[in-house]
Amino acid sequence: MNTTQLKNIINILNKANISQPSSIGWMLLSRAYGMQGDRAYSTYAAAGYSAAIGEYKTALRQLNAAKEYAKGNSALLLKIADFYDFLEIL
């Protein structure tokens, strides 16, 4: 799979997760980001998967890891902060 195909897949999965979030969507997104070598987004998406299946403690650990990997990426850090807020509500 080439870089362009992978970017297209990630784009499609992100859109799908916005319109119809699902555990499988998060898992596939995590794998796609991992294949791209993007550890920060891969771990963030893995946290989405964990939360979607009710594994909130695992999701929190994964968010903490994603935060470390995302240093300097203000857009992802904002998403992570929003996710922390979501988990606090639960």
N, C-alpha and C. Protein backbone atom coordinates (compact mmCIF):
# COMPACT_ATOMS: atom_id res chain seq x y z
N MET A 1 0.85 -1.17 0.00
CA MET A 1 0.00 0.00 0.00
C MET A 1 0.90 1.23 0.00
N ASN A 2 0.61 2.17 -0.89
CA ASN A 2 1.46 3.36 -0.95
C ASN A 2 0.93 4.45 -0.02
N THR A 3 1.73 5.49 0.14
CA THR A 3 1.42 6.58 1.06
C THR A 3 0.11 7.28 0.73
N THR A 4 -0.15 7.49 -0.55
CA THR A 4 -1.38 8.16 -0.97
C THR A 4 -2.60 7.32 -0.61
N GLN A 5 -2.53 6.03 -0.84
CA GLN A 5 -3.64 5.15 -0.50
C GLN A 5 -3.89 5.16 1.01
N LEU A 6 -2.83 5.12 1.78
CA LEU A 6 -2.96 5.12 3.23
C LEU A 6 -3.59 6.42 3.73
N LYS A 7 -3.17 7.55 3.16
CA LYS A 7 -3.77 8.83 3.54
C LYS A 7 -5.25 8.86 3.20
N ASN A 8 -5.62 8.31 2.04
CA ASN A 8 -7.03 8.25 1.66
C ASN A 8 -7.84 7.38 2.61
N ILE A 9 -7.26 6.26 3.01
CA ILE A 9 -7.94 5.37 3.96
C ILE A 9 -8.15 6.08 5.29
N ILE A 10 -7.12 6.76 5.77
CA ILE A 10 -7.23 7.50 7.03
C ILE A 10 -8.30 8.57 6.93
N ASN A 11 -8.34 9.27 5.82
CA ASN A 11 -9.36 10.30 5.62
C ASN A 11 -10.77 9.70 5.66
N ILE A 12 -10.96 8.58 4.98
CA ILE A 12 -12.26 7.92 4.96
C ILE A 12 -12.65 7.44 6.36
N LEU A 13 -11.71 6.84 7.08
CA LEU A 13 -12.00 6.34 8.42
C LEU A 13 -12.32 7.49 9.38
N ASN A 14 -11.60 8.60 9.27
CA ASN A 14 -11.91 9.77 10.11
C ASN A 14 -13.32 10.27 9.84
N LYS A 15 -13.69 10.37 8.57
CA LYS A 15 -15.05 10.82 8.22
C LYS A 15 -16.09 9.85 8.75
N ALA A 16 -15.82 8.57 8.64
CA ALA A 16 -16.75 7.56 9.14
C ALA A 16 -16.93 7.66 10.64
N ASN A 17 -15.83 7.90 11.36
CA ASN A 17 -15.91 8.01 12.81
C ASN A 17 -16.65 9.27 13.25
N ILE A 18 -16.67 10.28 12.41
CA ILE A 18 -17.42 11.49 12.72
C ILE A 18 -18.91 11.24 12.52
N SER A 19 -19.27 10.63 11.40
CA SER A 19 -20.68 10.44 11.09
C SER A 19 -21.30 9.26 11.86
N GLN A 20 -20.54 8.19 12.04
CA GLN A 20 -21.03 7.02 12.76
C GLN A 20 -19.90 6.38 13.55
N PRO A 21 -19.59 6.93 14.72
CA PRO A 21 -18.49 6.37 15.51
C PRO A 21 -18.74 4.90 15.85
N SER A 22 -17.68 4.11 15.77
CA SER A 22 -17.79 2.70 16.13
C SER A 22 -16.45 2.20 16.64
N SER A 23 -16.50 1.14 17.41
CA SER A 23 -15.26 0.57 17.93
C SER A 23 -14.36 0.09 16.79
N ILE A 24 -14.96 -0.56 15.80
CA ILE A 24 -14.15 -1.07 14.67
C ILE A 24 -13.53 0.08 13.88
N GLY A 25 -14.25 1.18 13.75
CA GLY A 25 -13.71 2.35 13.06
C GLY A 25 -12.46 2.89 13.77
N TRP A 26 -12.54 2.97 15.10
CA TRP A 26 -11.39 3.43 15.87
C TRP A 26 -10.21 2.46 15.75
N MET A 27 -10.51 1.16 15.80
CA MET A 27 -9.44 0.17 15.71
C MET A 27 -8.74 0.25 14.35
N LEU A 28 -9.54 0.33 13.29
CA LEU A 28 -8.95 0.43 11.95
C LEU A 28 -8.15 1.71 11.77
N LEU A 29 -8.65 2.80 12.34
CA LEU A 29 -7.94 4.07 12.27
C LEU A 29 -6.60 3.97 13.01
N SER A 30 -6.60 3.34 14.16
CA SER A 30 -5.36 3.16 14.91
C SER A 30 -4.35 2.35 14.10
N ARG A 31 -4.81 1.30 13.45
CA ARG A 31 -3.92 0.48 12.64
C ARG A 31 -3.38 1.25 11.44
N ALA A 32 -4.25 2.03 10.81
CA ALA A 32 -3.82 2.80 9.64
C ALA A 32 -2.78 3.84 10.02
N TYR A 33 -3.02 4.55 11.12
CA TYR A 33 -2.01 5.52 11.58
C TYR A 33 -0.71 4.81 11.94
N GLY A 34 -0.81 3.63 12.53
CA GLY A 34 0.38 2.86 12.87
C GLY A 34 1.16 2.47 11.62
N MET A 35 0.45 2.07 10.56
CA MET A 35 1.11 1.72 9.31
C MET A 35 1.80 2.93 8.70
N GLN A 36 1.27 4.11 8.99
CA GLN A 36 1.85 5.35 8.48
C GLN A 36 3.04 5.79 9.35
N GLY A 37 3.19 5.14 10.50
CA GLY A 37 4.28 5.49 11.41
C GLY A 37 3.96 6.64 12.35
N ASP A 38 2.68 6.98 12.45
CA ASP A 38 2.26 8.09 13.31
C ASP A 38 1.82 7.53 14.66
N ARG A 39 2.77 7.44 15.55
CA ARG A 39 2.52 6.82 16.85
C ARG A 39 1.52 7.60 17.70
N ALA A 40 1.60 8.93 17.64
CA ALA A 40 0.72 9.77 18.46
C ALA A 40 -0.75 9.56 18.07
N TYR A 41 -1.06 9.68 16.78
CA TYR A 41 -2.44 9.50 16.34
C TYR A 41 -2.89 8.04 16.46
N SER A 42 -1.98 7.11 16.25
CA SER A 42 -2.32 5.71 16.40
C SER A 42 -2.75 5.40 17.84
N THR A 43 -2.02 5.94 18.79
CA THR A 43 -2.33 5.71 20.20
C THR A 43 -3.61 6.43 20.60
N TYR A 44 -3.81 7.64 20.06
CA TYR A 44 -5.05 8.38 20.30
C TYR A 44 -6.26 7.57 19.79
N ALA A 45 -6.15 7.03 18.58
CA ALA A 45 -7.24 6.24 18.02
C ALA A 45 -7.45 4.95 18.81
N ALA A 46 -6.37 4.37 19.32
CA ALA A 46 -6.49 3.17 20.16
C ALA A 46 -7.27 3.51 21.43
N ALA A 47 -7.07 4.70 21.96
CA ALA A 47 -7.84 5.14 23.13
C ALA A 47 -9.32 5.26 22.76
N GLY A 48 -9.60 5.73 21.55
CA GLY A 48 -10.98 5.80 21.08
C GLY A 48 -11.61 4.41 21.03
N TYR A 49 -10.85 3.45 20.55
CA TYR A 49 -11.33 2.07 20.51
C TYR A 49 -11.63 1.57 21.92
N SER A 50 -10.67 1.78 22.83
CA SER A 50 -10.85 1.30 24.20
C SER A 50 -12.08 1.92 24.85
N ALA A 51 -12.26 3.21 24.66
CA ALA A 51 -13.44 3.88 25.23
C ALA A 51 -14.72 3.33 24.61
N ALA A 52 -14.70 3.07 23.31
CA ALA A 52 -15.89 2.58 22.62
C ALA A 52 -16.33 1.21 23.13
N ILE A 53 -15.38 0.41 23.61
CA ILE A 53 -15.74 -0.91 24.13
C ILE A 53 -15.87 -0.91 25.66
N GLY A 54 -15.80 0.29 26.26
CA GLY A 54 -16.01 0.40 27.70
C GLY A 54 -14.79 0.21 28.57
N GLU A 55 -13.62 0.15 27.97
CA GLU A 55 -12.37 -0.01 28.72
C GLU A 55 -11.77 1.37 29.02
N TYR A 56 -12.40 2.09 29.95
CA TYR A 56 -12.06 3.49 30.20
C TYR A 56 -10.68 3.66 30.85
N LYS A 57 -10.30 2.74 31.72
CA LYS A 57 -8.95 2.84 32.33
C LYS A 57 -7.87 2.64 31.28
N THR A 58 -8.10 1.71 30.38
CA THR A 58 -7.15 1.49 29.28
C THR A 58 -7.09 2.72 28.39
N ALA A 59 -8.26 3.29 28.09
CA ALA A 59 -8.32 4.50 27.26
C ALA A 59 -7.53 5.63 27.91
N LEU A 60 -7.64 5.78 29.20
CA LEU A 60 -6.91 6.84 29.91
C LEU A 60 -5.40 6.62 29.82
N ARG A 61 -4.96 5.39 29.98
CA ARG A 61 -3.53 5.08 29.84
C ARG A 61 -3.05 5.39 28.42
N GLN A 62 -3.86 5.03 27.45
CA GLN A 62 -3.49 5.29 26.06
C GLN A 62 -3.46 6.79 25.76
N LEU A 63 -4.40 7.53 26.33
CA LEU A 63 -4.38 8.98 26.14
C LEU A 63 -3.13 9.60 26.75
N ASN A 64 -2.73 9.10 27.91
CA ASN A 64 -1.49 9.60 28.52
C ASN A 64 -0.29 9.34 27.62
N ALA A 65 -0.25 8.16 27.01
CA ALA A 65 0.84 7.85 26.08
C ALA A 65 0.76 8.73 24.83
N ALA A 66 -0.44 8.90 24.30
CA ALA A 66 -0.62 9.74 23.11
C ALA A 66 -0.17 11.17 23.39
N LYS A 67 -0.46 11.65 24.58
CA LYS A 67 -0.05 13.01 24.96
C LYS A 67 1.47 13.15 24.92
N GLU A 68 2.16 12.13 25.38
CA GLU A 68 3.63 12.17 25.34
C GLU A 68 4.14 12.16 23.90
N TYR A 69 3.53 11.32 23.07
CA TYR A 69 3.96 11.23 21.67
C TYR A 69 3.61 12.49 20.87
N ALA A 70 2.59 13.22 21.33
CA ALA A 70 2.06 14.35 20.56
C ALA A 70 2.72 15.69 20.89
N LYS A 71 3.77 15.68 21.65
CA LYS A 71 4.41 16.95 22.01
C LYS A 71 4.70 17.77 20.76
N GLY A 72 4.23 19.03 20.78
CA GLY A 72 4.43 19.92 19.64
C GLY A 72 3.30 19.88 18.62
N ASN A 73 2.37 18.94 18.76
CA ASN A 73 1.25 18.83 17.84
C ASN A 73 0.01 19.40 18.54
N SER A 74 -0.18 20.71 18.41
CA SER A 74 -1.24 21.39 19.16
C SER A 74 -2.64 20.90 18.80
N ALA A 75 -2.86 20.53 17.55
CA ALA A 75 -4.19 20.04 17.14
C ALA A 75 -4.51 18.72 17.85
N LEU A 76 -3.56 17.81 17.88
CA LEU A 76 -3.80 16.53 18.55
C LEU A 76 -3.89 16.73 20.06
N LEU A 77 -3.08 17.60 20.61
CA LEU A 77 -3.14 17.84 22.05
C LEU A 77 -4.51 18.39 22.46
N LEU A 78 -5.12 19.19 21.61
CA LEU A 78 -6.47 19.70 21.88
C LEU A 78 -7.49 18.56 21.84
N LYS A 79 -7.36 17.67 20.87
CA LYS A 79 -8.25 16.50 20.79
C LYS A 79 -8.10 15.63 22.04
N ILE A 80 -6.86 15.46 22.48
CA ILE A 80 -6.61 14.65 23.68
C ILE A 80 -7.24 15.31 24.89
N ALA A 81 -7.11 16.62 25.03
CA ALA A 81 -7.71 17.34 26.16
C ALA A 81 -9.23 17.17 26.15
N ASP A 82 -9.84 17.26 24.98
CA ASP A 82 -11.29 17.05 24.87
C ASP A 82 -11.67 15.63 25.27
N PHE A 83 -10.84 14.67 24.90
CA PHE A 83 -11.10 13.27 25.23
C PHE A 83 -11.02 13.06 26.74
N TYR A 84 -10.02 13.68 27.38
CA TYR A 84 -9.93 13.62 28.85
C TYR A 84 -11.22 14.13 29.48
N ASP A 85 -11.72 15.27 28.98
CA ASP A 85 -12.98 15.83 29.49
C ASP A 85 -14.12 14.86 29.33
N PHE A 86 -14.19 14.20 28.18
CA PHE A 86 -15.24 13.21 27.93
C PHE A 86 -15.16 12.07 28.94
N LEU A 87 -13.95 11.57 29.18
CA LEU A 87 -13.79 10.45 30.11
C LEU A 87 -14.14 10.84 31.55
N GLU A 88 -13.90 12.10 31.90
CA GLU A 88 -14.24 12.56 33.26
C GLU A 88 -15.74 12.56 33.48
N ILE A 89 -16.51 12.78 32.43
CA ILE A 89 -17.97 12.80 32.53
C ILE A 89 -18.51 11.40 32.84
N LEU A 90 -17.83 10.39 32.31
CA LEU A 90 -18.31 9.01 32.46
C LEU A 90 -18.17 8.50 33.86
